């Protein structure tokens, strides 16, 4: 694997060592291999780790196939992949409702990750999971296309540098904006479900904006400060406004769960380009 990255104009001067270790989060073992094999090039010449890099410099890394491990998956159907944004490092796609993000068993072949493996095989690349959406949820979801960018995207997600907005339809009239701050934990009686657990649960914060009251239902938008499993579903159910069509937290009342990851925005970690996508058509 060979990657060439040109540092953007607003990048602060730094050393190659600090760039690889602190900013790009290249694992220590891989950094050692890069240095010993002389597999780091600066502006076309073999580089030393103490050398300084500045905006406009071109850095090339040559990674061996076995430097990073990859769990192979069965190739699915590439025609089921709907890209919203793509470059050599990352891919944002529109996940259909009813499709799992990734397989839980080696013989599964009908998840989004399986279909992405087929789609990217033509580019001699592989998909890496950055985050997930519930099977019943549709919309924008981000994947890494190589192991170099994967830990960087993971850190960006943890530090809330990747923004996501969800569209949902809930039962009842919800005509005000609010923030739900309730801890979420596992349901002891049903391993599929989560519950509000203020004593032992994990912190979870959901910001809710009411958009339109539709008779006995309301269209809302949600932004999360945290990314707990089933967070929106559990939080909305806890205040008496469960999601329409939710098979777990409300009697199913629609053909699908009315939850859609409608927007995703971020700053590209290498180019500093502002990326903003909308996953159409949403719930309408």
C-alpha atoms as a PDB file:
ATOM      1  CA  UNK A   1       0.000   0.000   0.000  1.00  0.00           C
ATOM      2  CA  UNK A   2       1.379   3.367  -1.036  1.00  0.00           C
ATOM      3  CA  UNK A   3      -0.031   6.703   0.112  1.00  0.00           C
ATOM      4  CA  UNK A   4       1.066  10.164  -0.977  1.00  0.00           C
ATOM      5  CA  UNK A   5      -0.337  13.102   0.996  1.00  0.00           C
ATOM      6  CA  UNK A   6       0.363  16.778   0.354  1.00  0.00           C
ATOM      7  CA  UNK A   7       0.176  18.864   3.511  1.00  0.00           C
ATOM      8  CA  UNK A   8      -2.465  21.621   3.175  1.00  0.00           C
ATOM      9  CA  UNK A   9      -1.642  25.322   3.350  1.00  0.00           C
ATOM     10  CA  UNK A  10      -2.915  25.715   6.921  1.00  0.00           C
ATOM     11  CA  UNK A  11      -0.863  22.832   8.316  1.00  0.00           C
ATOM     12  CA  UNK A  12       1.601  23.840  11.023  1.00  0.00           C
ATOM     13  CA  UNK A  13       5.277  22.887  10.528  1.00  0.00           C
ATOM     14  CA  UNK A  14       6.170  19.703  12.377  1.00  0.00           C
ATOM     15  CA  UNK A  15       8.553  16.761  12.218  1.00  0.00           C
ATOM     16  CA  UNK A  16       7.782  13.569  10.357  1.00  0.00           C
ATOM     17  CA  UNK A  17       7.976  11.700  13.670  1.00  0.00           C
ATOM     18  CA  UNK A  18       5.322  13.897  15.320  1.00  0.00           C
ATOM     19  CA  UNK A  19       3.146  13.846  12.214  1.00  0.00           C
ATOM     20  CA  UNK A  20       3.075  10.043  12.101  1.00  0.00           C
ATOM     21  CA  UNK A  21       2.779   9.485  15.851  1.00  0.00           C
ATOM     22  CA  UNK A  22       0.597  12.312  17.146  1.00  0.00           C
ATOM     23  CA  UNK A  23      -1.464  13.495  14.197  1.00  0.00           C
ATOM     24  CA  UNK A  24      -1.887  10.450  11.978  1.00  0.00           C
ATOM     25  CA  UNK A  25      -1.830   7.918  14.870  1.00  0.00           C
ATOM     26  CA  UNK A  26       0.358   5.417  12.988  1.00  0.00           C
ATOM     27  CA  UNK A  27       0.949   2.487  15.392  1.00  0.00           C
ATOM     28  CA  UNK A  28       4.375   2.205  16.981  1.00  0.00           C
ATOM     29  CA  UNK A  29       5.162  -1.118  15.263  1.00  0.00           C
ATOM     30  CA  UNK A  30       4.263   0.314  11.863  1.00  0.00           C
ATOM     31  CA  UNK A  31       6.349   3.451  12.488  1.00  0.00           C
ATOM     32  CA  UNK A  32       9.292   1.194  13.317  1.00  0.00           C
ATOM     33  CA  UNK A  33       8.865  -0.735  10.057  1.00  0.00           C
ATOM     34  CA  UNK A  34       8.565   2.491   8.067  1.00  0.00           C
ATOM     35  CA  UNK A  35      11.805   3.796   9.545  1.00  0.00           C
ATOM     36  CA  UNK A  36      13.794   0.543   9.225  1.00  0.00           C
ATOM     37  CA  UNK A  37      12.633  -0.125   5.656  1.00  0.00           C
ATOM     38  CA  UNK A  38      13.179   3.529   4.650  1.00  0.00           C
ATOM     39  CA  UNK A  39       9.590   3.592   3.453  1.00  0.00           C
ATOM     40  CA  UNK A  40       8.934   7.286   4.115  1.00  0.00           C
ATOM     41  CA  UNK A  41       9.628   9.717   1.279  1.00  0.00           C
ATOM     42  CA  UNK A  42       9.566  13.510   1.443  1.00  0.00           C
ATOM     43  CA  UNK A  43       9.159  15.328  -1.866  1.00  0.00           C
ATOM     44  CA  UNK A  44      10.442  12.296  -3.742  1.00  0.00           C
ATOM     45  CA  UNK A  45      13.470  11.536  -1.539  1.00  0.00           C
ATOM     46  CA  UNK A  46      13.953   9.080   1.302  1.00  0.00           C
ATOM     47  CA  UNK A  47      13.258  10.940   4.552  1.00  0.00           C
ATOM     48  CA  UNK A  48      14.436  10.737   8.147  1.00  0.00           C
ATOM     49  CA  UNK A  49      11.966  10.989  11.009  1.00  0.00           C
ATOM     50  CA  UNK A  50      13.572  14.109  12.499  1.00  0.00           C
ATOM     51  CA  UNK A  51      13.097  16.098   9.275  1.00  0.00           C
ATOM     52  CA  UNK A  52      10.612  18.964   9.308  1.00  0.00           C
ATOM     53  CA  UNK A  53       7.605  19.086   7.005  1.00  0.00           C
ATOM     54  CA  UNK A  54       5.803  22.286   6.050  1.00  0.00           C
ATOM     55  CA  UNK A  55       2.676  23.186   4.046  1.00  0.00           C
ATOM     56  CA  UNK A  56       2.952  22.033   0.447  1.00  0.00           C
ATOM     57  CA  UNK A  57       5.341  19.177   1.238  1.00  0.00           C
ATOM     58  CA  UNK A  58       4.466  15.802  -0.261  1.00  0.00           C
ATOM     59  CA  UNK A  59       4.886  12.803   2.052  1.00  0.00           C
ATOM     60  CA  UNK A  60       4.770   9.243   0.724  1.00  0.00           C
ATOM     61  CA  UNK A  61       4.348   6.184   2.967  1.00  0.00           C
ATOM     62  CA  UNK A  62       4.852   2.643   1.700  1.00  0.00           C
ATOM     63  CA  UNK A  63       3.079   0.116   3.933  1.00  0.00           C
ATOM     64  CA  UNK A  64       3.486  -3.635   3.619  1.00  0.00           C
ATOM     65  CA  UNK A  65       0.316  -5.732   3.329  1.00  0.00           C
ATOM     66  CA  UNK A  66       0.929  -7.480   6.648  1.00  0.00           C
ATOM     67  CA  UNK A  67       1.635  -4.285   8.634  1.00  0.00           C
ATOM     68  CA  UNK A  68      -2.082  -4.070   9.400  1.00  0.00           C
ATOM     69  CA  UNK A  69      -4.508  -6.931   9.974  1.00  0.00           C
ATOM     70  CA  UNK A  70      -7.807  -7.116   8.088  1.00  0.00           C
ATOM     71  CA  UNK A  71     -10.759  -9.412   8.747  1.00  0.00           C
ATOM     72  CA  UNK A  72     -11.896 -10.711   5.375  1.00  0.00           C
ATOM     73  CA  UNK A  73     -15.607 -10.718   4.574  1.00  0.00           C
ATOM     74  CA  UNK A  74     -17.583 -12.372   1.796  1.00  0.00           C
ATOM     75  CA  UNK A  75     -18.091 -10.085  -1.181  1.00  0.00           C
ATOM     76  CA  UNK A  76     -21.698  -9.020  -1.590  1.00  0.00           C
ATOM     77  CA  UNK A  77     -23.475  -7.032  -4.308  1.00  0.00           C
ATOM     78  CA  UNK A  78     -21.652  -3.850  -5.352  1.00  0.00           C
ATOM     79  CA  UNK A  79     -24.824  -2.445  -6.994  1.00  0.00           C
ATOM     80  CA  UNK A  80     -26.360  -2.006  -3.524  1.00  0.00           C
ATOM     81  CA  UNK A  81     -23.770   0.656  -2.624  1.00  0.00           C
ATOM     82  CA  UNK A  82     -24.900   4.296  -2.995  1.00  0.00           C
ATOM     83  CA  UNK A  83     -21.888   6.625  -2.553  1.00  0.00           C
ATOM     84  CA  UNK A  84     -22.448  10.165  -1.262  1.00  0.00           C
ATOM     85  CA  UNK A  85     -18.757  11.128  -1.122  1.00  0.00           C
ATOM     86  CA  UNK A  86     -15.612   9.233  -2.014  1.00  0.00           C
ATOM     87  CA  UNK A  87     -11.874   9.788  -2.354  1.00  0.00           C
ATOM     88  CA  UNK A  88      -8.831   7.553  -1.963  1.00  0.00           C
ATOM     89  CA  UNK A  89      -9.081   7.525   1.843  1.00  0.00           C
ATOM     90  CA  UNK A  90     -12.737   7.550   2.875  1.00  0.00           C
ATOM     91  CA  UNK A  91     -16.221   6.770   1.663  1.00  0.00           C
ATOM     92  CA  UNK A  92     -19.641   8.002   2.824  1.00  0.00           C
ATOM     93  CA  UNK A  93     -22.609   5.964   1.609  1.00  0.00           C
ATOM     94  CA  UNK A  94     -26.398   5.994   1.989  1.00  0.00           C
ATOM     95  CA  UNK A  95     -27.383   2.853   3.905  1.00  0.00           C
ATOM     96  CA  UNK A  96     -30.836   1.419   3.170  1.00  0.00           C
ATOM     97  CA  UNK A  97     -33.190   0.614   6.034  1.00  0.00           C
ATOM     98  CA  UNK A  98     -33.236  -3.096   6.900  1.00  0.00           C
ATOM     99  CA  UNK A  99     -29.558  -3.685   6.091  1.00  0.00           C
ATOM    100  CA  UNK A 100     -26.993  -4.438   8.796  1.00  0.00           C
ATOM    101  CA  UNK A 101     -23.818  -2.346   8.863  1.00  0.00           C
ATOM    102  CA  UNK A 102     -21.470  -5.314   9.224  1.00  0.00           C
ATOM    103  CA  UNK A 103     -21.652  -9.096   9.645  1.00  0.00           C
ATOM    104  CA  UNK A 104     -21.604 -10.731  13.057  1.00  0.00           C
ATOM    105  CA  UNK A 105     -20.642 -14.141  11.674  1.00  0.00           C
ATOM    106  CA  UNK A 106     -18.082 -15.137   8.996  1.00  0.00           C
ATOM    107  CA  UNK A 107     -20.729 -16.651   6.697  1.00  0.00           C
ATOM    108  CA  UNK A 108     -22.920 -13.531   6.468  1.00  0.00           C
ATOM    109  CA  UNK A 109     -22.913 -11.935   3.024  1.00  0.00           C
ATOM    110  CA  UNK A 110     -25.795  -9.425   2.908  1.00  0.00           C
ATOM    111  CA  UNK A 111     -24.545  -6.566   5.076  1.00  0.00           C
ATOM    112  CA  UNK A 112     -23.347  -3.153   3.941  1.00  0.00           C
ATOM    113  CA  UNK A 113     -19.730  -4.131   4.668  1.00  0.00           C
ATOM    114  CA  UNK A 114     -20.072  -7.163   2.366  1.00  0.00           C
ATOM    115  CA  UNK A 115     -21.415  -4.996  -0.449  1.00  0.00           C
ATOM    116  CA  UNK A 116     -18.671  -2.413   0.121  1.00  0.00           C
ATOM    117  CA  UNK A 117     -16.018  -5.146  -0.042  1.00  0.00           C
ATOM    118  CA  UNK A 118     -17.283  -6.024  -3.527  1.00  0.00           C
ATOM    119  CA  UNK A 119     -17.524  -2.361  -4.546  1.00  0.00           C
ATOM    120  CA  UNK A 120     -13.989  -1.501  -3.406  1.00  0.00           C
ATOM    121  CA  UNK A 121     -12.361  -4.677  -4.719  1.00  0.00           C
ATOM    122  CA  UNK A 122     -12.348  -3.096  -8.179  1.00  0.00           C
ATOM    123  CA  UNK A 123     -10.105  -0.357  -6.744  1.00  0.00           C
ATOM    124  CA  UNK A 124      -7.964  -2.922  -4.912  1.00  0.00           C
ATOM    125  CA  UNK A 125      -9.123  -1.406  -1.611  1.00  0.00           C
ATOM    126  CA  UNK A 126     -11.015  -2.641   1.439  1.00  0.00           C
ATOM    127  CA  UNK A 127     -13.688  -1.096   3.692  1.00  0.00           C
ATOM    128  CA  UNK A 128     -13.072  -0.445   7.390  1.00  0.00           C
ATOM    129  CA  UNK A 129     -15.916   0.302   9.813  1.00  0.00           C
ATOM    130  CA  UNK A 130     -15.680   3.723  11.518  1.00  0.00           C
ATOM    131  CA  UNK A 131     -19.136   3.746  13.138  1.00  0.00           C
ATOM    132  CA  UNK A 132     -22.415   1.906  12.636  1.00  0.00           C
ATOM    133  CA  UNK A 133     -26.115   2.480  12.136  1.00  0.00           C
ATOM    134  CA  UNK A 134     -28.800   0.156  13.463  1.00  0.00           C
ATOM    135  CA  UNK A 135     -30.144  -2.316  10.931  1.00  0.00           C
ATOM    136  CA  UNK A 136     -33.498  -0.511  10.865  1.00  0.00           C
ATOM    137  CA  UNK A 137     -31.926   2.964  10.427  1.00  0.00           C
ATOM    138  CA  UNK A 138     -31.130   4.399   7.002  1.00  0.00           C
ATOM    139  CA  UNK A 139     -28.841   7.212   5.908  1.00  0.00           C
ATOM    140  CA  UNK A 140     -25.296   8.531   5.786  1.00  0.00           C
ATOM    141  CA  UNK A 141     -22.549   6.340   7.207  1.00  0.00           C
ATOM    142  CA  UNK A 142     -18.765   6.751   7.017  1.00  0.00           C
ATOM    143  CA  UNK A 143     -16.170   4.092   6.187  1.00  0.00           C
ATOM    144  CA  UNK A 144     -12.392   4.208   5.893  1.00  0.00           C
ATOM    145  CA  UNK A 145     -10.837   2.857   2.696  1.00  0.00           C
ATOM    146  CA  UNK A 146      -7.443   2.082   4.217  1.00  0.00           C
ATOM    147  CA  UNK A 147      -5.955   1.358   7.645  1.00  0.00           C
ATOM    148  CA  UNK A 148      -3.915   4.585   7.650  1.00  0.00           C
ATOM    149  CA  UNK A 149      -6.943   6.856   7.988  1.00  0.00           C
ATOM    150  CA  UNK A 150      -9.022   4.512  10.192  1.00  0.00           C
ATOM    151  CA  UNK A 151      -7.621   5.522  13.631  1.00  0.00           C
ATOM    152  CA  UNK A 152      -7.736   9.205  12.650  1.00  0.00           C
ATOM    153  CA  UNK A 153     -11.441   8.980  11.820  1.00  0.00           C
ATOM    154  CA  UNK A 154     -12.018   7.061  15.047  1.00  0.00           C
ATOM    155  CA  UNK A 155     -10.398   9.831  17.065  1.00  0.00           C
ATOM    156  CA  UNK A 156     -12.393  12.490  15.191  1.00  0.00           C
ATOM    157  CA  UNK A 157     -15.579  10.624  16.075  1.00  0.00           C
ATOM    158  CA  UNK A 158     -14.604  10.428  19.761  1.00  0.00           C
ATOM    159  CA  UNK A 159     -13.757  14.140  19.831  1.00  0.00           C
ATOM    160  CA  UNK A 160     -17.080  15.055  18.168  1.00  0.00           C
ATOM    161  CA  UNK A 161     -15.371  16.381  15.045  1.00  0.00           C
ATOM    162  CA  UNK A 162     -17.743  14.418  12.811  1.00  0.00           C
ATOM    163  CA  UNK A 163     -21.206  15.951  12.873  1.00  0.00           C
ATOM    164  CA  UNK A 164     -24.327  13.856  12.243  1.00  0.00           C
ATOM    165  CA  UNK A 165     -27.954  14.929  12.127  1.00  0.00           C
ATOM    166  CA  UNK A 166     -30.887  12.535  12.194  1.00  0.00           C
ATOM    167  CA  UNK A 167     -34.423  12.919  10.899  1.00  0.00           C
ATOM    168  CA  UNK A 168     -37.150  11.035  12.768  1.00  0.00           C
ATOM    169  CA  UNK A 169     -40.911  10.773  13.143  1.00  0.00           C
ATOM    170  CA  UNK A 170     -42.265  10.164  16.635  1.00  0.00           C
ATOM    171  CA  UNK A 171     -45.650   9.372  18.088  1.00  0.00           C
ATOM    172  CA  UNK A 172     -47.529  12.252  19.675  1.00  0.00           C
ATOM    173  CA  UNK A 173     -47.370  16.014  19.507  1.00  0.00           C
ATOM    174  CA  UNK A 174     -43.875  17.286  20.297  1.00  0.00           C
ATOM    175  CA  UNK A 175     -43.969  21.012  19.612  1.00  0.00           C
ATOM    176  CA  UNK A 176     -40.882  22.166  21.517  1.00  0.00           C
ATOM    177  CA  UNK A 177     -37.115  21.788  21.332  1.00  0.00           C
ATOM    178  CA  UNK A 178     -35.405  19.960  24.177  1.00  0.00           C
ATOM    179  CA  UNK A 179     -32.255  18.165  25.314  1.00  0.00           C
ATOM    180  CA  UNK A 180     -32.516  14.663  26.766  1.00  0.00           C
ATOM    181  CA  UNK A 181     -29.726  13.833  29.198  1.00  0.00           C
ATOM    182  CA  UNK A 182     -30.303  10.330  30.539  1.00  0.00           C
ATOM    183  CA  UNK A 183     -27.859   7.480  31.059  1.00  0.00           C
ATOM    184  CA  UNK A 184     -28.372   4.356  28.958  1.00  0.00           C
ATOM    185  CA  UNK A 185     -27.558   0.785  29.929  1.00  0.00           C
ATOM    186  CA  UNK A 186     -28.337  -2.778  28.866  1.00  0.00           C
ATOM    187  CA  UNK A 187     -31.725  -4.364  29.426  1.00  0.00           C
ATOM    188  CA  UNK A 188     -31.126  -7.316  31.763  1.00  0.00           C
ATOM    189  CA  UNK A 189     -34.139  -9.170  30.373  1.00  0.00           C
ATOM    190  CA  UNK A 190     -33.590  -8.655  26.632  1.00  0.00           C
ATOM    191  CA  UNK A 191     -30.048  -8.515  25.253  1.00  0.00           C
ATOM    192  CA  UNK A 192     -31.256  -6.729  22.117  1.00  0.00           C
ATOM    193  CA  UNK A 193     -32.563  -3.730  24.018  1.00  0.00           C
ATOM    194  CA  UNK A 194     -31.224  -0.767  25.999  1.00  0.00           C
ATOM    195  CA  UNK A 195     -32.903   1.025  28.901  1.00  0.00           C
ATOM    196  CA  UNK A 196     -32.581   4.245  30.876  1.00  0.00           C
ATOM    197  CA  UNK A 197     -30.236   3.363  33.761  1.00  0.00           C
ATOM    198  CA  UNK A 198     -29.218   6.425  35.771  1.00  0.00           C
ATOM    199  CA  UNK A 199     -27.191   4.350  38.249  1.00  0.00           C
ATOM    200  CA  UNK A 200     -25.075   2.088  36.036  1.00  0.00           C
ATOM    201  CA  UNK A 201     -25.650   3.377  32.498  1.00  0.00           C
ATOM    202  CA  UNK A 202     -23.399   5.407  30.214  1.00  0.00           C
ATOM    203  CA  UNK A 203     -23.846   9.149  29.779  1.00  0.00           C
ATOM    204  CA  UNK A 204     -26.033   9.968  26.767  1.00  0.00           C
ATOM    205  CA  UNK A 205     -27.165  13.373  25.465  1.00  0.00           C
ATOM    206  CA  UNK A 206     -29.621  13.944  22.604  1.00  0.00           C
ATOM    207  CA  UNK A 207     -30.632  17.380  21.299  1.00  0.00           C
ATOM    208  CA  UNK A 208     -34.115  17.360  19.750  1.00  0.00           C
ATOM    209  CA  UNK A 209     -35.535  19.992  17.388  1.00  0.00           C
ATOM    210  CA  UNK A 210     -39.248  19.860  16.606  1.00  0.00           C
ATOM    211  CA  UNK A 211     -39.837  20.440  12.873  1.00  0.00           C
ATOM    212  CA  UNK A 212     -43.496  19.790  12.053  1.00  0.00           C
ATOM    213  CA  UNK A 213     -46.505  18.377  13.896  1.00  0.00           C
ATOM    214  CA  UNK A 214     -48.292  15.893  11.627  1.00  0.00           C
ATOM    215  CA  UNK A 215     -51.589  15.181  13.359  1.00  0.00           C
ATOM    216  CA  UNK A 216     -50.793  12.535  15.960  1.00  0.00           C
ATOM    217  CA  UNK A 217     -47.125  12.382  14.936  1.00  0.00           C
ATOM    218  CA  UNK A 218     -44.211  14.857  14.815  1.00  0.00           C
ATOM    219  CA  UNK A 219     -41.246  15.157  12.495  1.00  0.00           C
ATOM    220  CA  UNK A 220     -38.106  15.994  14.471  1.00  0.00           C
ATOM    221  CA  UNK A 221     -34.345  16.314  14.004  1.00  0.00           C
ATOM    222  CA  UNK A 222     -31.759  15.000  16.461  1.00  0.00           C
ATOM    223  CA  UNK A 223     -28.095  15.762  17.076  1.00  0.00           C
ATOM    224  CA  UNK A 224     -26.119  13.549  19.475  1.00  0.00           C
ATOM    225  CA  UNK A 225     -23.356  14.476  21.894  1.00  0.00           C
ATOM    226  CA  UNK A 226     -22.755  10.759  22.465  1.00  0.00           C
ATOM    227  CA  UNK A 227     -23.196   7.667  20.341  1.00  0.00           C
ATOM    228  CA  UNK A 228     -24.782   4.993  22.508  1.00  0.00           C
ATOM    229  CA  UNK A 229     -26.515   1.983  21.001  1.00  0.00           C
ATOM    230  CA  UNK A 230     -30.185   2.804  20.261  1.00  0.00           C
ATOM    231  CA  UNK A 231     -29.682   6.232  21.872  1.00  0.00           C
ATOM    232  CA  UNK A 232     -32.332   8.167  19.924  1.00  0.00           C
ATOM    233  CA  UNK A 233     -34.810   5.295  20.163  1.00  0.00           C
ATOM    234  CA  UNK A 234     -34.421   4.863  23.921  1.00  0.00           C
ATOM    235  CA  UNK A 235     -34.353   8.589  24.723  1.00  0.00           C
ATOM    236  CA  UNK A 236     -37.478   9.431  22.715  1.00  0.00           C
ATOM    237  CA  UNK A 237     -39.376   6.450  24.125  1.00  0.00           C
ATOM    238  CA  UNK A 238     -38.403   7.547  27.645  1.00  0.00           C
ATOM    239  CA  UNK A 239     -40.244  10.855  27.265  1.00  0.00           C
ATOM    240  CA  UNK A 240     -43.390   9.296  25.819  1.00  0.00           C
ATOM    241  CA  UNK A 241     -42.598   9.940  22.138  1.00  0.00           C
ATOM    242  CA  UNK A 242     -41.293   6.638  20.715  1.00  0.00           C
ATOM    243  CA  UNK A 243     -40.218   6.476  17.093  1.00  0.00           C
ATOM    244  CA  UNK A 244     -42.856   5.450  14.610  1.00  0.00           C
ATOM    245  CA  UNK A 245     -42.253   1.928  13.311  1.00  0.00           C
ATOM    246  CA  UNK A 246     -39.862   0.908  16.094  1.00  0.00           C
ATOM    247  CA  UNK A 247     -40.072  -2.903  16.464  1.00  0.00           C
ATOM    248  CA  UNK A 248     -38.239  -2.935  19.809  1.00  0.00           C
ATOM    249  CA  UNK A 249     -39.427   0.039  21.854  1.00  0.00           C
ATOM    250  CA  UNK A 250     -42.997   0.476  20.558  1.00  0.00           C
ATOM    251  CA  UNK A 251     -45.635  -1.652  18.915  1.00  0.00           C
ATOM    252  CA  UNK A 252     -44.677  -1.605  15.237  1.00  0.00           C
ATOM    253  CA  UNK A 253     -46.884   0.913  13.439  1.00  0.00           C
ATOM    254  CA  UNK A 254     -45.164   1.433  10.078  1.00  0.00           C
ATOM    255  CA  UNK A 255     -43.348  -0.540   7.408  1.00  0.00           C
ATOM    256  CA  UNK A 256     -39.989   0.651   8.734  1.00  0.00           C
ATOM    257  CA  UNK A 257     -38.359   2.460  11.630  1.00  0.00           C
ATOM    258  CA  UNK A 258     -38.762   6.182  10.943  1.00  0.00           C
ATOM    259  CA  UNK A 259     -35.156   7.158  11.673  1.00  0.00           C
ATOM    260  CA  UNK A 260     -32.758   8.433   9.011  1.00  0.00           C
ATOM    261  CA  UNK A 261     -29.178   9.759   9.295  1.00  0.00           C
ATOM    262  CA  UNK A 262     -29.832  12.665   6.960  1.00  0.00           C
ATOM    263  CA  UNK A 263     -26.603  14.694   7.241  1.00  0.00           C
ATOM    264  CA  UNK A 264     -22.926  14.060   7.906  1.00  0.00           C
ATOM    265  CA  UNK A 265     -20.254  16.757   7.941  1.00  0.00           C
ATOM    266  CA  UNK A 266     -16.551  16.779   8.766  1.00  0.00           C
ATOM    267  CA  UNK A 267     -13.166  18.223   7.879  1.00  0.00           C
ATOM    268  CA  UNK A 268     -11.029  15.875   5.815  1.00  0.00           C
ATOM    269  CA  UNK A 269      -8.091  14.827   8.042  1.00  0.00           C
ATOM    270  CA  UNK A 270      -5.501  15.058   5.245  1.00  0.00           C
ATOM    271  CA  UNK A 271      -6.697  17.797   2.888  1.00  0.00           C
ATOM    272  CA  UNK A 272      -8.645  19.944   5.409  1.00  0.00           C
ATOM    273  CA  UNK A 273     -11.481  20.046   2.872  1.00  0.00           C
ATOM    274  CA  UNK A 274     -14.924  20.663   4.394  1.00  0.00           C
ATOM    275  CA  UNK A 275     -17.157  17.697   3.578  1.00  0.00           C
ATOM    276  CA  UNK A 276     -20.941  17.904   3.960  1.00  0.00           C
ATOM    277  CA  UNK A 277     -23.366  15.338   2.564  1.00  0.00           C
ATOM    278  CA  UNK A 278     -27.137  14.921   2.626  1.00  0.00           C
ATOM    279  CA  UNK A 279     -28.595  11.434   2.360  1.00  0.00           C
ATOM    280  CA  UNK A 280     -31.698  11.810   0.209  1.00  0.00           C
ATOM    281  CA  UNK A 281     -34.571  11.193   0.081  1.00  0.00           C
ATOM    282  CA  UNK A 282     -34.967  10.776   3.837  1.00  0.00           C
ATOM    283  CA  UNK A 283     -38.262   9.691   5.349  1.00  0.00           C
ATOM    284  CA  UNK A 284     -40.516  11.296   2.713  1.00  0.00           C
END
